[in-house]
Amino acid sequence: MRTLAIAASAIALAFPAALSAQEPTTTSAGTPTTGDVSASTSGSAEGTADSVAVGGTADAAAADGGTAETSASAKFNDHMANQRSTATANDEDERARSMSRSHASKTGADVSHSMSIYKQRGEKPVVSREHSVTTPKEKAEEDPQSPN
């Protein structure tokens, strides 16, 4: 029996020059890798009074004649940045999908969401979610000298 494996990956970044030493707000999600398909994504966001930054990755793999697709995009301006990444993989009896999105603003409110779904024919879907928020107050507690 011949096996064909397909893998796809994508990365989206929007990082202006100056970043703080604080940790970005980060999430990630992935499907189980026990079957023939898998998908995973991650996202991160960091905003300071001087800059905004977001990043994301997407990875998908499918074997035995399945298909895998990824996409990632980032948009930003002087005040905020957004990123979205998706990964999907499927074959005859399995589906995997993962999605991440992140938002950073100069006000200091950083948000990142990630979610994945794995479904095998005849079984209930396996869903995982991760949500992370960093508020300006939390950032000020981390770095008392920060203007946020």
Protein backbone atom coordinates (compact mmCIF):
# COMPACT_ATOMS: atom_id res chain seq x y z
CA MET A 1 0.00 0.00 0.00
CA ARG A 2 1.36 3.40 -0.95
CA THR A 3 0.96 6.34 1.39
CA LEU A 4 0.89 9.95 0.32
CA ALA A 5 1.46 12.63 2.92
CA ILE A 6 0.61 16.27 2.36
CA ALA A 7 1.78 19.01 4.69
CA ALA A 8 1.18 22.72 4.52
CA SER A 9 2.20 25.58 6.74
CA ALA A 10 1.80 29.34 6.89
CA ILE A 11 3.09 32.19 9.03
CA ALA A 12 1.69 35.70 9.47
CA LEU A 13 3.61 38.47 11.19
CA ALA A 14 3.15 42.18 11.73
CA PHE A 15 5.99 43.36 13.95
CA PRO A 16 6.96 47.03 14.02
CA ALA A 17 10.49 47.87 15.13
CA ALA A 18 10.18 48.53 18.87
CA LEU A 19 8.80 45.87 21.23
CA SER A 20 8.77 45.78 25.00
CA ALA A 21 10.43 43.19 27.20
CA GLN A 22 7.00 41.97 28.40
CA GLU A 23 5.66 38.59 27.37
CA PRO A 24 3.12 38.67 24.52
CA THR A 25 -0.41 37.35 24.97
CA THR A 26 -0.24 33.91 23.31
CA THR A 27 -2.58 30.98 22.56
CA SER A 28 -2.28 27.77 20.57
CA ALA A 29 -4.54 24.88 19.59
CA GLY A 30 -3.99 21.59 17.83
CA THR A 31 -5.90 18.46 16.96
CA PRO A 32 -4.86 14.96 18.05
CA THR A 33 -2.11 13.51 15.86
CA THR A 34 -3.17 9.87 16.22
CA GLY A 35 -5.10 9.75 12.93
CA ASP A 36 -4.24 10.48 9.32
CA VAL A 37 -4.99 14.22 9.60
CA SER A 38 -3.87 16.97 11.95
CA ALA A 39 -4.08 20.75 12.16
CA SER A 40 -2.61 23.30 14.54
CA THR A 41 -2.42 27.07 14.87
CA SER A 42 -1.02 29.63 17.25
CA GLY A 43 -1.34 33.36 17.73
CA SER A 44 0.27 36.08 19.80
CA ALA A 45 -0.31 39.79 20.40
CA GLU A 46 1.58 42.55 22.15
CA GLY A 47 0.73 46.22 22.35
CA THR A 48 2.58 49.01 24.09
CA ALA A 49 2.17 52.77 24.06
CA ASP A 50 4.82 52.86 21.30
CA SER A 51 4.10 49.81 19.13
CA VAL A 52 1.83 46.90 18.29
CA ALA A 53 2.80 43.40 17.22
CA VAL A 54 0.96 40.21 16.27
CA GLY A 55 2.14 36.85 14.99
CA GLY A 56 0.58 33.55 14.04
CA THR A 57 1.33 30.15 12.57
CA ALA A 58 -0.73 27.45 10.88
CA ASP A 59 0.24 23.85 10.14
CA ALA A 60 -1.80 21.01 8.61
CA ALA A 61 -0.98 17.48 7.51
CA ALA A 62 -2.96 14.73 5.77
CA ALA A 63 -2.00 11.21 4.68
CA ASP A 64 -3.59 8.51 2.49
CA GLY A 65 -5.02 10.79 -0.19
CA GLY A 66 -6.25 13.55 2.11
CA THR A 67 -5.93 17.28 1.58
CA ALA A 68 -4.34 19.96 3.78
CA GLU A 69 -4.62 23.74 3.55
CA THR A 70 -3.34 26.65 5.61
CA SER A 71 -3.76 30.38 5.52
CA ALA A 72 -2.48 33.25 7.60
CA SER A 73 -2.91 36.98 7.33
CA ALA A 74 -2.09 40.07 9.34
CA LYS A 75 -3.35 43.65 9.13
CA PHE A 76 -2.07 46.61 11.08
CA ASN A 77 -1.94 50.37 11.30
CA ASP A 78 -0.34 52.85 13.72
CA HIS A 79 -2.75 51.98 16.55
CA MET A 80 -3.62 48.29 16.34
CA ALA A 81 -2.76 44.97 14.70
CA ASN A 82 -4.84 41.86 13.93
CA GLN A 83 -3.85 38.40 12.75
CA ARG A 84 -5.81 35.32 11.73
CA SER A 85 -4.49 31.87 10.88
CA THR A 86 -6.37 28.71 9.88
CA ALA A 87 -5.37 25.14 9.12
CA THR A 88 -7.60 22.38 7.74
CA ALA A 89 -6.94 18.78 6.82
CA ASN A 90 -9.31 15.99 5.82
CA ASP A 91 -9.54 12.58 4.23
CA GLU A 92 -12.40 10.14 3.66
CA ASP A 93 -13.28 9.62 7.32
CA GLU A 94 -11.49 12.32 9.33
CA ARG A 95 -11.53 16.13 9.54
CA ALA A 96 -9.24 18.47 11.44
CA ARG A 97 -9.49 22.26 11.67
CA SER A 98 -7.67 24.80 13.79
CA MET A 99 -8.13 28.58 13.96
CA SER A 100 -6.31 31.37 15.82
CA ARG A 101 -6.80 35.10 15.92
CA SER A 102 -5.01 37.81 17.86
CA HIS A 103 -5.49 41.53 18.40
CA ALA A 104 -3.06 44.07 19.87
CA SER A 105 -3.64 47.77 20.47
CA LYS A 106 -1.58 50.68 21.75
CA THR A 107 -4.06 51.02 24.62
CA GLY A 108 -2.49 47.81 25.97
CA ALA A 109 -5.46 45.47 25.59
CA ASP A 110 -4.10 42.30 23.95
CA VAL A 111 -6.37 39.36 23.06
CA SER A 112 -5.60 35.96 21.54
CA HIS A 113 -8.06 33.12 20.77
CA SER A 114 -7.33 29.62 19.45
CA MET A 115 -9.64 26.69 18.75
CA SER A 116 -9.31 23.25 17.17
CA ILE A 117 -11.82 20.58 16.12
CA TYR A 118 -11.07 16.96 15.23
CA LYS A 119 -13.88 14.72 13.92
CA GLN A 120 -13.71 11.07 12.96
CA ARG A 121 -16.67 9.50 11.14
CA GLY A 122 -19.11 7.96 13.62
CA GLU A 123 -17.49 9.65 16.64
CA LYS A 124 -18.18 12.85 18.54
CA PRO A 125 -15.92 15.81 17.71
CA VAL A 126 -12.96 16.62 19.96
CA VAL A 127 -12.88 20.38 20.57
CA SER A 128 -10.24 22.44 22.36
CA ARG A 129 -10.31 26.18 23.02
CA GLU A 130 -7.84 28.62 24.52
CA HIS A 131 -8.46 32.29 25.25
CA SER A 132 -5.99 34.78 26.71
CA VAL A 133 -6.41 38.47 27.52
CA THR A 134 -3.87 40.91 28.92
CA THR A 135 -5.27 44.21 30.18
CA PRO A 136 -3.39 47.50 30.56
CA LYS A 137 -3.63 47.10 34.36
CA GLU A 138 -1.94 43.68 34.23
CA LYS A 139 0.85 45.11 32.08
CA ALA A 140 1.39 47.98 34.54
CA GLU A 141 1.70 45.45 37.38
CA GLU A 142 4.34 43.51 35.38
CA ASP A 143 6.35 46.65 34.60
CA PRO A 144 5.65 49.57 37.01
CA GLN A 145 7.72 51.94 34.84
CA SER A 146 5.55 51.28 31.76
CA PRO A 147 3.33 54.22 30.65
CA ASN A 148 0.38 51.76 30.25
